[in-house]
Every structure is written in structure tokens, then in C-alpha cells.
């Protein structure tokens, strides 16, 4: 839990500084998720997580549907070190 809280705090801070925006990410099964963000903010989240963890992060976009009419981003931390 401490890792997840620290990672979320860092991501929130980096997004606030870079985009003057507030986001509400969360972790589920080792993946960080975030709703209602655009591609630019998603890229900042990815870069922030890579910097924080030292590992490559893969971002995935789940497009809006009829039952969930908003885009959702997933950020998976891999086992590959960032160069």
C-alpha cells in the first residue's frame, strides 16, 4: 500500500505542475487506472511512473462505451528497467 500511495502522490503532483489539473488515479491488481484524462496527461502519468519506479510503463486506452461513457486509461508497470 505504501508504494501505491507514494506513486499516486507523485503522479498527482507531476500532473498538477505540468498541466495545472487534478486527477484521481487508483491502483487495482498492480495497475494504475485513471478516468477523464487526455493523451497529454496520460503521457505525463506514464513518464511520472517510469521516473518513480525506474521501470518501463505501458499505457492503454479503453474507449468509452454505452455503459461507461468515458475514456479510461490503464498504466501497467513492466519488469523492464528504463534505460
Protein backbone atom coordinates (compact mmCIF):
# COMPACT_ATOMS: atom_id res chain seq x y z
CA UNK A 1 0.00 0.00 0.00
CA UNK A 2 2.80 2.44 0.77
CA UNK A 3 4.25 2.02 -2.73
CA UNK A 4 0.87 2.66 -4.34
CA UNK A 5 0.17 5.76 -2.24
CA UNK A 6 3.63 7.19 -2.91
CA UNK A 7 3.32 6.50 -6.65
CA UNK A 8 -0.14 8.12 -6.81
CA UNK A 9 1.06 11.15 -4.84
CA UNK A 10 3.99 11.62 -7.24
CA UNK A 11 1.78 11.25 -10.31
CA UNK A 12 -0.79 13.72 -8.93
CA UNK A 13 1.98 16.21 -8.17
CA UNK A 14 3.58 15.90 -11.61
CA UNK A 15 0.23 16.33 -13.38
CA UNK A 16 -0.64 19.34 -11.23
CA UNK A 17 2.69 21.02 -12.01
CA UNK A 18 2.70 20.16 -15.73
CA UNK A 19 -1.00 20.64 -16.56
CA UNK A 20 -2.48 22.59 -13.64
CA UNK A 21 -5.04 19.80 -13.35
CA UNK A 22 -6.19 17.49 -10.56
CA UNK A 23 -6.56 13.78 -11.29
CA UNK A 24 -7.76 10.85 -9.18
CA UNK A 25 -5.77 7.76 -10.12
CA UNK A 26 -6.14 4.44 -8.31
CA UNK A 27 -4.48 1.04 -8.28
CA UNK A 28 -6.20 -2.27 -8.91
CA UNK A 29 -4.29 -5.57 -9.22
CA UNK A 30 -1.00 -3.73 -9.70
CA UNK A 31 -2.27 -1.47 -12.49
CA UNK A 32 -2.77 2.28 -12.13
CA UNK A 33 -6.06 3.49 -13.59
CA UNK A 34 -7.32 6.98 -14.33
CA UNK A 35 -10.57 8.29 -15.85
CA UNK A 36 -11.33 11.58 -17.57
CA UNK A 37 -7.82 12.46 -18.80
CA UNK A 38 -6.50 13.30 -22.25
CA UNK A 39 -3.49 11.92 -24.15
CA UNK A 40 -1.15 14.66 -22.88
CA UNK A 41 -1.97 13.96 -19.24
CA UNK A 42 -1.73 10.21 -19.85
CA UNK A 43 1.79 10.74 -21.20
CA UNK A 44 2.73 12.71 -18.08
CA UNK A 45 1.36 9.90 -15.90
CA UNK A 46 3.44 7.38 -17.84
CA UNK A 47 6.62 9.45 -17.55
CA UNK A 48 6.00 10.10 -13.86
CA UNK A 49 5.51 6.40 -13.11
CA UNK A 50 8.61 5.45 -15.09
CA UNK A 51 10.65 8.04 -13.22
CA UNK A 52 9.25 6.95 -9.86
CA UNK A 53 9.67 3.19 -10.39
CA UNK A 54 12.66 3.00 -12.73
CA UNK A 55 10.70 0.55 -14.89
CA UNK A 56 9.03 0.86 -18.29
CA UNK A 57 5.30 1.57 -18.16
CA UNK A 58 2.76 0.59 -20.83
CA UNK A 59 -0.32 2.79 -21.18
CA UNK A 60 -3.56 1.53 -22.66
CA UNK A 61 -6.70 3.45 -23.58
CA UNK A 62 -10.09 1.89 -23.05
CA UNK A 63 -12.54 3.91 -25.12
CA UNK A 64 -15.95 4.98 -23.84
CA UNK A 65 -18.89 2.59 -24.21
CA UNK A 66 -22.64 2.88 -23.78
CA UNK A 67 -22.42 1.59 -20.21
CA UNK A 68 -19.26 3.57 -19.31
CA UNK A 69 -19.40 6.76 -21.40
CA UNK A 70 -15.89 7.98 -20.56
CA UNK A 71 -12.38 7.05 -21.61
CA UNK A 72 -10.29 5.14 -19.10
CA UNK A 73 -6.51 4.76 -19.08
CA UNK A 74 -4.53 1.84 -17.63
CA UNK A 75 -0.82 2.07 -16.76
CA UNK A 76 1.00 -1.25 -16.35
CA UNK A 77 4.44 -1.29 -14.77
CA UNK A 78 6.65 -3.86 -16.53
CA UNK A 79 9.74 -5.72 -15.37
CA UNK A 80 11.95 -3.90 -17.92
CA UNK A 81 14.25 -1.27 -16.46
CA UNK A 82 14.17 2.20 -18.02
CA UNK A 83 17.43 2.89 -19.84
